[in-house]
Amino acid sequence: MHLEFPDKDIMALFEEKLDEDRDKWTVWFDGASNVLGHGIGTVLVSLDNLCIPFTTRLGFDCTNNMAESEACAMVVQAAIDSNV
């Protein structure tokens, strides 16, 4: 299947999307699980590039995927708590 964009090339559409997202907060998150323990880290980034980090150690055994899911849930809760 071939998509055609008669008025704009694909890069112009991509740049428009980037401009559109400039008024939105950004979230980053990561989780890790290994023999030393289990932990997660998240960052909320405001419109003016203020970074608000959150980290925690998990008090239960988990896989890397479970740690990632916990990190995602933590950053969503942090965004809600911060009225983002």
PDB file of N, CA and C in Angstrom:
ATOM      1  N   MET A   1       0.842  -1.174   0.000  1.00  0.00           N
ATOM      2  CA  MET A   1       0.000   0.000   0.000  1.00  0.00           C
ATOM      3  C   MET A   1       0.887   1.237   0.000  1.00  0.00           C
ATOM      4  N   HIS A   2       0.577   2.164  -0.828  1.00  0.00           N
ATOM      5  CA  HIS A   2       1.366   3.388  -0.951  1.00  0.00           C
ATOM      6  C   HIS A   2       0.483   4.577  -0.577  1.00  0.00           C
ATOM      7  N   LEU A   3       0.973   5.376   0.358  1.00  0.00           N
ATOM      8  CA  LEU A   3       0.224   6.566   0.771  1.00  0.00           C
ATOM      9  C   LEU A   3       0.797   7.785   0.071  1.00  0.00           C
ATOM     10  N   GLU A   4      -0.044   8.629  -0.377  1.00  0.00           N
ATOM     11  CA  GLU A   4       0.389   9.853  -1.038  1.00  0.00           C
ATOM     12  C   GLU A   4      -0.041  11.053  -0.212  1.00  0.00           C
ATOM     13  N   PHE A   5       0.844  12.021  -0.110  1.00  0.00           N
ATOM     14  CA  PHE A   5       0.561  13.271   0.567  1.00  0.00           C
ATOM     15  C   PHE A   5       0.735  14.381  -0.466  1.00  0.00           C
ATOM     16  N   PRO A   6      -0.327  14.754  -1.140  1.00  0.00           N
ATOM     17  CA  PRO A   6      -0.202  15.663  -2.273  1.00  0.00           C
ATOM     18  C   PRO A   6       0.328  17.055  -1.927  1.00  0.00           C
ATOM     19  N   ASP A   7      -0.013  17.584  -0.770  1.00  0.00           N
ATOM     20  CA  ASP A   7       0.368  18.960  -0.467  1.00  0.00           C
ATOM     21  C   ASP A   7       1.676  19.080   0.305  1.00  0.00           C
ATOM     22  N   LYS A   8       2.063  18.035   1.039  1.00  0.00           N
ATOM     23  CA  LYS A   8       3.220  18.151   1.912  1.00  0.00           C
ATOM     24  C   LYS A   8       4.054  16.880   1.844  1.00  0.00           C
ATOM     25  N   ASP A   9       5.348  17.033   2.023  1.00  0.00           N
ATOM     26  CA  ASP A   9       6.160  15.823   2.105  1.00  0.00           C
ATOM     27  C   ASP A   9       6.118  15.289   3.538  1.00  0.00           C
ATOM     28  N   ILE A  10       6.623  14.100   3.737  1.00  0.00           N
ATOM     29  CA  ILE A  10       6.519  13.428   5.032  1.00  0.00           C
ATOM     30  C   ILE A  10       7.273  14.184   6.127  1.00  0.00           C
ATOM     31  N   MET A  11       8.396  14.806   5.810  1.00  0.00           N
ATOM     32  CA  MET A  11       9.159  15.553   6.817  1.00  0.00           C
ATOM     33  C   MET A  11       8.379  16.774   7.299  1.00  0.00           C
ATOM     34  N   ALA A  12       7.672  17.421   6.410  1.00  0.00           N
ATOM     35  CA  ALA A  12       6.860  18.574   6.816  1.00  0.00           C
ATOM     36  C   ALA A  12       5.768  18.129   7.786  1.00  0.00           C
ATOM     37  N   LEU A  13       5.161  16.967   7.523  1.00  0.00           N
ATOM     38  CA  LEU A  13       4.145  16.446   8.433  1.00  0.00           C
ATOM     39  C   LEU A  13       4.748  16.112   9.791  1.00  0.00           C
ATOM     40  N   PHE A  14       5.943  15.531   9.787  1.00  0.00           N
ATOM     41  CA  PHE A  14       6.631  15.202  11.029  1.00  0.00           C
ATOM     42  C   PHE A  14       6.958  16.461  11.821  1.00  0.00           C
ATOM     43  N   GLU A  15       7.448  17.493  11.158  1.00  0.00           N
ATOM     44  CA  GLU A  15       7.778  18.744  11.832  1.00  0.00           C
ATOM     45  C   GLU A  15       6.536  19.404  12.421  1.00  0.00           C
ATOM     46  N   GLU A  16       5.416  19.308  11.731  1.00  0.00           N
ATOM     47  CA  GLU A  16       4.161  19.836  12.274  1.00  0.00           C
ATOM     48  C   GLU A  16       3.791  19.124  13.564  1.00  0.00           C
ATOM     49  N   LYS A  17       3.966  17.801  13.593  1.00  0.00           N
ATOM     50  CA  LYS A  17       3.649  17.017  14.784  1.00  0.00           C
ATOM     51  C   LYS A  17       4.548  17.437  15.934  1.00  0.00           C
ATOM     52  N   LEU A  18       5.834  17.678  15.670  1.00  0.00           N
ATOM     53  CA  LEU A  18       6.742  18.133  16.721  1.00  0.00           C
ATOM     54  C   LEU A  18       6.297  19.485  17.269  1.00  0.00           C
ATOM     55  N   ASP A  19       5.915  20.403  16.397  1.00  0.00           N
ATOM     56  CA  ASP A  19       5.441  21.709  16.845  1.00  0.00           C
ATOM     57  C   ASP A  19       4.178  21.573  17.687  1.00  0.00           C
ATOM     58  N   GLU A  20       3.315  20.654  17.296  1.00  0.00           N
ATOM     59  CA  GLU A  20       2.069  20.405  18.012  1.00  0.00           C
ATOM     60  C   GLU A  20       2.330  19.933  19.439  1.00  0.00           C
ATOM     61  N   ASP A  21       3.381  19.116  19.624  1.00  0.00           N
ATOM     62  CA  ASP A  21       3.670  18.519  20.923  1.00  0.00           C
ATOM     63  C   ASP A  21       4.482  19.422  21.846  1.00  0.00           C
ATOM     64  N   ARG A  22       4.885  20.576  21.383  1.00  0.00           N
ATOM     65  CA  ARG A  22       5.712  21.448  22.221  1.00  0.00           C
ATOM     66  C   ARG A  22       4.959  21.995  23.431  1.00  0.00           C
ATOM     67  N   ASP A  23       3.633  21.958  23.413  1.00  0.00           N
ATOM     68  CA  ASP A  23       2.866  22.469  24.547  1.00  0.00           C
ATOM     69  C   ASP A  23       2.407  21.342  25.474  1.00  0.00           C
ATOM     70  N   LYS A  24       3.098  20.215  25.423  1.00  0.00           N
ATOM     71  CA  LYS A  24       2.748  19.075  26.256  1.00  0.00           C
ATOM     72  C   LYS A  24       3.916  18.702  27.164  1.00  0.00           C
ATOM     73  N   TRP A  25       3.605  18.187  28.344  1.00  0.00           N
ATOM     74  CA  TRP A  25       4.615  17.679  29.249  1.00  0.00           C
ATOM     75  C   TRP A  25       5.176  16.388  28.668  1.00  0.00           C
ATOM     76  N   THR A  26       6.405  16.079  29.034  1.00  0.00           N
ATOM     77  CA  THR A  26       7.063  14.854  28.609  1.00  0.00           C
ATOM     78  C   THR A  26       7.306  13.981  29.829  1.00  0.00           C
ATOM     79  N   VAL A  27       7.197  12.665  29.671  1.00  0.00           N
ATOM     80  CA  VAL A  27       7.540  11.741  30.753  1.00  0.00           C
ATOM     81  C   VAL A  27       8.564  10.747  30.247  1.00  0.00           C
ATOM     82  N   TRP A  28       9.515  10.416  31.111  1.00  0.00           N
ATOM     83  CA  TRP A  28      10.478   9.363  30.856  1.00  0.00           C
ATOM     84  C   TRP A  28      10.382   8.401  32.023  1.00  0.00           C
ATOM     85  N   PHE A  29      10.537   7.124  31.742  1.00  0.00           N
ATOM     86  CA  PHE A  29      10.542   6.156  32.835  1.00  0.00           C
ATOM     87  C   PHE A  29      11.372   4.945  32.457  1.00  0.00           C
ATOM     88  N   ASP A  30      11.907   4.286  33.497  1.00  0.00           N
ATOM     89  CA  ASP A  30      12.703   3.094  33.290  1.00  0.00           C
ATOM     90  C   ASP A  30      12.649   2.253  34.557  1.00  0.00           C
ATOM     91  N   GLY A  31      12.778   0.983  34.399  1.00  0.00           N
ATOM     92  CA  GLY A  31      12.805   0.072  35.532  1.00  0.00           C
ATOM     93  C   GLY A  31      13.891  -0.952  35.328  1.00  0.00           C
ATOM     94  N   ALA A  32      14.408  -1.494  36.422  1.00  0.00           N
ATOM     95  CA  ALA A  32      15.458  -2.505  36.331  1.00  0.00           C
ATOM     96  C   ALA A  32      15.282  -3.535  37.437  1.00  0.00           C
ATOM     97  N   SER A  33      15.639  -4.755  37.111  1.00  0.00           N
ATOM     98  CA  SER A  33      15.579  -5.851  38.068  1.00  0.00           C
ATOM     99  C   SER A  33      16.829  -6.698  37.879  1.00  0.00           C
ATOM    100  N   ASN A  34      17.607  -6.861  38.947  1.00  0.00           N
ATOM    101  CA  ASN A  34      18.802  -7.697  38.859  1.00  0.00           C
ATOM    102  C   ASN A  34      19.126  -8.264  40.240  1.00  0.00           C
ATOM    103  N   VAL A  35      20.279  -8.905  40.387  1.00  0.00           N
ATOM    104  CA  VAL A  35      20.624  -9.549  41.652  1.00  0.00           C
ATOM    105  C   VAL A  35      20.821  -8.542  42.789  1.00  0.00           C
ATOM    106  N   LEU A  36      21.057  -7.280  42.466  1.00  0.00           N
ATOM    107  CA  LEU A  36      21.253  -6.259  43.491  1.00  0.00           C
ATOM    108  C   LEU A  36      19.947  -5.652  43.987  1.00  0.00           C
ATOM    109  N   GLY A  37      18.860  -5.907  43.277  1.00  0.00           N
ATOM    110  CA  GLY A  37      17.567  -5.368  43.689  1.00  0.00           C
ATOM    111  C   GLY A  37      16.720  -4.959  42.503  1.00  0.00           C
ATOM    112  N   HIS A  38      15.649  -4.268  42.828  1.00  0.00           N
ATOM    113  CA  HIS A  38      14.670  -3.865  41.827  1.00  0.00           C
ATOM    114  C   HIS A  38      14.360  -2.388  42.057  1.00  0.00           C
ATOM    115  N   GLY A  39      14.402  -1.590  41.004  1.00  0.00           N
ATOM    116  CA  GLY A  39      14.140  -0.170  41.172  1.00  0.00           C
ATOM    117  C   GLY A  39      13.560   0.457  39.935  1.00  0.00           C
ATOM    118  N   ILE A  40      13.021   1.639  40.126  1.00  0.00           N
ATOM    119  CA  ILE A  40      12.436   2.380  39.013  1.00  0.00           C
ATOM    120  C   ILE A  40      12.811   3.857  39.133  1.00  0.00           C
ATOM    121  N   GLY A  41      12.813   4.507  37.995  1.00  0.00           N
ATOM    122  CA  GLY A  41      13.057   5.932  37.952  1.00  0.00           C
ATOM    123  C   GLY A  41      12.167   6.568  36.900  1.00  0.00           C
ATOM    124  N   THR A  42      11.701   7.753  37.201  1.00  0.00           N
ATOM    125  CA  THR A  42      10.848   8.486  36.271  1.00  0.00           C
ATOM    126  C   THR A  42      11.215   9.961  36.306  1.00  0.00           C
ATOM    127  N   VAL A  43      10.879  10.654  35.235  1.00  0.00           N
ATOM    128  CA  VAL A  43      11.089  12.100  35.172  1.00  0.00           C
ATOM    129  C   VAL A  43       9.891  12.723  34.472  1.00  0.00           C
ATOM    130  N   LEU A  44       9.319  13.743  35.083  1.00  0.00           N
ATOM    131  CA  LEU A  44       8.335  14.605  34.431  1.00  0.00           C
ATOM    132  C   LEU A  44       9.090  15.831  33.934  1.00  0.00           C
ATOM    133  N   VAL A  45       8.868  16.225  32.692  1.00  0.00           N
ATOM    134  CA  VAL A  45       9.524  17.404  32.123  1.00  0.00           C
ATOM    135  C   VAL A  45       8.445  18.408  31.750  1.00  0.00           C
ATOM    136  N   SER A  46       8.502  19.588  32.379  1.00  0.00           N
ATOM    137  CA  SER A  46       7.474  20.606  32.173  1.00  0.00           C
ATOM    138  C   SER A  46       7.661  21.318  30.838  1.00  0.00           C
ATOM    139  N   LEU A  47       6.709  22.187  30.538  1.00  0.00           N
ATOM    140  CA  LEU A  47       6.754  22.947  29.289  1.00  0.00           C
ATOM    141  C   LEU A  47       8.001  23.810  29.180  1.00  0.00           C
ATOM    142  N   ASP A  48       8.511  24.299  30.330  1.00  0.00           N
ATOM    143  CA  ASP A  48       9.712  25.128  30.317  1.00  0.00           C
ATOM    144  C   ASP A  48      10.969  24.325  30.686  1.00  0.00           C
ATOM    145  N   ASN A  49      10.928  22.999  30.431  1.00  0.00           N
ATOM    146  CA  ASN A  49      12.057  22.082  30.611  1.00  0.00           C
ATOM    147  C   ASN A  49      12.507  21.908  32.057  1.00  0.00           C
ATOM    148  N   LEU A  50      11.624  22.117  33.010  1.00  0.00           N
ATOM    149  CA  LEU A  50      11.915  21.803  34.405  1.00  0.00           C
ATOM    150  C   LEU A  50      11.762  20.292  34.575  1.00  0.00           C
ATOM    151  N   CYS A  51      12.816  19.627  35.034  1.00  0.00           N
ATOM    152  CA  CYS A  51      12.796  18.169  35.219  1.00  0.00           C
ATOM    153  C   CYS A  51      12.472  17.843  36.670  1.00  0.00           C
ATOM    154  N   ILE A  52      11.480  16.986  36.865  1.00  0.00           N
ATOM    155  CA  ILE A  52      11.059  16.564  38.198  1.00  0.00           C
ATOM    156  C   ILE A  52      11.250  15.054  38.279  1.00  0.00           C
ATOM    157  N   PRO A  53      12.345  14.605  38.939  1.00  0.00           N
ATOM    158  CA  PRO A  53      12.624  13.169  38.986  1.00  0.00           C
ATOM    159  C   PRO A  53      11.954  12.476  40.176  1.00  0.00           C
ATOM    160  N   PHE A  54      11.639  11.208  39.990  1.00  0.00           N
ATOM    161  CA  PHE A  54      11.111  10.349  41.046  1.00  0.00           C
ATOM    162  C   PHE A  54      11.833   9.007  40.926  1.00  0.00           C
ATOM    163  N   THR A  55      12.339   8.490  42.026  1.00  0.00           N
ATOM    164  CA  THR A  55      12.966   7.169  42.019  1.00  0.00           C
ATOM    165  C   THR A  55      12.512   6.399  43.247  1.00  0.00           C
ATOM    166  N   THR A  56      12.552   5.082  43.135  1.00  0.00           N
ATOM    167  CA  THR A  56      12.242   4.243  44.288  1.00  0.00           C
ATOM    168  C   THR A  56      12.773   2.839  44.069  1.00  0.00           C
ATOM    169  N   ARG A  57      13.051   2.162  45.170  1.00  0.00           N
ATOM    170  CA  ARG A  57      13.382   0.739  45.127  1.00  0.00           C
ATOM    171  C   ARG A  57      12.094  -0.029  45.351  1.00  0.00           C
ATOM    172  N   LEU A  58      11.943  -1.115  44.634  1.00  0.00           N
ATOM    173  CA  LEU A  58      10.763  -1.950  44.789  1.00  0.00           C
ATOM    174  C   LEU A  58      11.028  -2.986  45.877  1.00  0.00           C
ATOM    175  N   GLY A  59      10.077  -3.165  46.758  1.00  0.00           N
ATOM    176  CA  GLY A  59      10.236  -4.081  47.883  1.00  0.00           C
ATOM    177  C   GLY A  59       9.708  -5.474  47.606  1.00  0.00           C
ATOM    178  N   PHE A  60       9.718  -5.896  46.356  1.00  0.00           N
ATOM    179  CA  PHE A  60       9.244  -7.233  46.009  1.00  0.00           C
ATOM    180  C   PHE A  60      10.028  -7.734  44.805  1.00  0.00           C
ATOM    181  N   ASP A  61      10.110  -9.044  44.676  1.00  0.00           N
ATOM    182  CA  ASP A  61      10.788  -9.639  43.529  1.00  0.00           C
ATOM    183  C   ASP A  61       9.975  -9.398  42.272  1.00  0.00           C
ATOM    184  N   CYS A  62      10.662  -9.076  41.192  1.00  0.00           N
ATOM    185  CA  CYS A  62       9.961  -8.827  39.933  1.00  0.00           C
ATOM    186  C   CYS A  62      10.903  -9.007  38.759  1.00  0.00           C
ATOM    187  N   THR A  63      10.339  -9.090  37.590  1.00  0.00           N
ATOM    188  CA  THR A  63      11.106  -9.157  36.353  1.00  0.00           C
ATOM    189  C   THR A  63      11.368  -7.740  35.850  1.00  0.00           C
ATOM    190  N   ASN A  64      12.212  -7.628  34.835  1.00  0.00           N
ATOM    191  CA  ASN A  64      12.444  -6.313  34.227  1.00  0.00           C
ATOM    192  C   ASN A  64      11.151  -5.725  33.676  1.00  0.00           C
ATOM    193  N   ASN A  65      10.328  -6.558  33.042  1.00  0.00           N
ATOM    194  CA  ASN A  65       9.063  -6.054  32.492  1.00  0.00           C
ATOM    195  C   ASN A  65       8.142  -5.549  33.594  1.00  0.00           C
ATOM    196  N   MET A  66       8.117  -6.236  34.718  1.00  0.00           N
ATOM    197  CA  MET A  66       7.288  -5.775  35.834  1.00  0.00           C
ATOM    198  C   MET A  66       7.804  -4.438  36.372  1.00  0.00           C
ATOM    199  N   ALA A  67       9.129  -4.284  36.448  1.00  0.00           N
ATOM    200  CA  ALA A  67       9.713  -3.020  36.909  1.00  0.00           C
ATOM    201  C   ALA A  67       9.362  -1.890  35.945  1.00  0.00           C
ATOM    202  N   GLU A  68       9.408  -2.167  34.643  1.00  0.00           N
ATOM    203  CA  GLU A  68       9.012  -1.157  33.651  1.00  0.00           C
ATOM    204  C   GLU A  68       7.559  -0.741  33.842  1.00  0.00           C
ATOM    205  N   SER A  69       6.695  -1.715  34.071  1.00  0.00           N
ATOM    206  CA  SER A  69       5.271  -1.416  34.280  1.00  0.00           C
ATOM    207  C   SER A  69       5.062  -0.584  35.540  1.00  0.00           C
ATOM    208  N   GLU A  70       5.791  -0.905  36.599  1.00  0.00           N
ATOM    209  CA  GLU A  70       5.703  -0.125  37.837  1.00  0.00           C
ATOM    210  C   GLU A  70       6.178   1.308  37.609  1.00  0.00           C
ATOM    211  N   ALA A  71       7.236   1.469  36.817  1.00  0.00           N
ATOM    212  CA  ALA A  71       7.743   2.814  36.511  1.00  0.00           C
ATOM    213  C   ALA A  71       6.707   3.616  35.741  1.00  0.00           C
ATOM    214  N   CYS A  72       6.072   2.985  34.780  1.00  0.00           N
ATOM    215  CA  CYS A  72       5.034   3.661  33.998  1.00  0.00           C
ATOM    216  C   CYS A  72       3.881   4.087  34.910  1.00  0.00           C
ATOM    217  N   ALA A  73       3.443   3.184  35.773  1.00  0.00           N
ATOM    218  CA  ALA A  73       2.353   3.507  36.691  1.00  0.00           C
ATOM    219  C   ALA A  73       2.749   4.635  37.640  1.00  0.00           C
ATOM    220  N   MET A  74       4.013   4.627  38.092  1.00  0.00           N
ATOM    221  CA  MET A  74       4.476   5.665  39.012  1.00  0.00           C
ATOM    222  C   MET A  74       4.474   7.046  38.354  1.00  0.00           C
ATOM    223  N   VAL A  75       4.928   7.127  37.094  1.00  0.00           N
ATOM    224  CA  VAL A  75       4.969   8.431  36.437  1.00  0.00           C
ATOM    225  C   VAL A  75       3.564   8.929  36.113  1.00  0.00           C
ATOM    226  N   VAL A  76       2.655   8.031  35.807  1.00  0.00           N
ATOM    227  CA  VAL A  76       1.263   8.444  35.581  1.00  0.00           C
ATOM    228  C   VAL A  76       0.673   8.995  36.872  1.00  0.00           C
ATOM    229  N   GLN A  77       0.922   8.306  37.995  1.00  0.00           N
ATOM    230  CA  GLN A  77       0.413   8.786  39.289  1.00  0.00           C
ATOM    231  C   GLN A  77       1.064  10.117  39.663  1.00  0.00           C
ATOM    232  N   ALA A  78       2.356  10.269  39.399  1.00  0.00           N
ATOM    233  CA  ALA A  78       3.043  11.533  39.678  1.00  0.00           C
ATOM    234  C   ALA A  78       2.450  12.666  38.846  1.00  0.00           C
ATOM    235  N   ALA A  79       2.126  12.400  37.601  1.00  0.00           N
ATOM    236  CA  ALA A  79       1.512  13.423  36.742  1.00  0.00           C
ATOM    237  C   ALA A  79       0.133  13.806  37.275  1.00  0.00           C
ATOM    238  N   ILE A  80      -0.638  12.819  37.706  1.00  0.00           N
ATOM    239  CA  ILE A  80      -1.953  13.101  38.266  1.00  0.00           C
ATOM    240  C   ILE A  80      -1.820  13.920  39.550  1.00  0.00           C
ATOM    241  N   ASP A  81      -0.919  13.495  40.428  1.00  0.00           N
ATOM    242  CA  ASP A  81      -0.717  14.198  41.700  1.00  0.00           C
ATOM    243  C   ASP A  81      -0.236  15.630  41.492  1.00  0.00           C
ATOM    244  N   SER A  82       0.497  15.855  40.407  1.00  0.00           N
ATOM    245  CA  SER A  82       1.035  17.187  40.114  1.00  0.00           C
ATOM    246  C   SER A  82       0.096  18.030  39.262  1.00  0.00           C
ATOM    247  N   ASN A  83      -1.102  17.521  38.999  1.00  0.00           N
ATOM    248  CA  ASN A  83      -2.089  18.223  38.170  1.00  0.00           C
ATOM    249  C   ASN A  83      -1.573  18.526  36.771  1.00  0.00           C
ATOM    250  N   VAL A  84      -0.830  17.607  36.213  1.00  0.00           N
ATOM    251  CA  VAL A  84      -0.305  17.768  34.854  1.00  0.00           C
ATOM    252  C   VAL A  84      -1.364  17.291  33.891  1.00  0.00           C
TER     253      VAL A  84
END
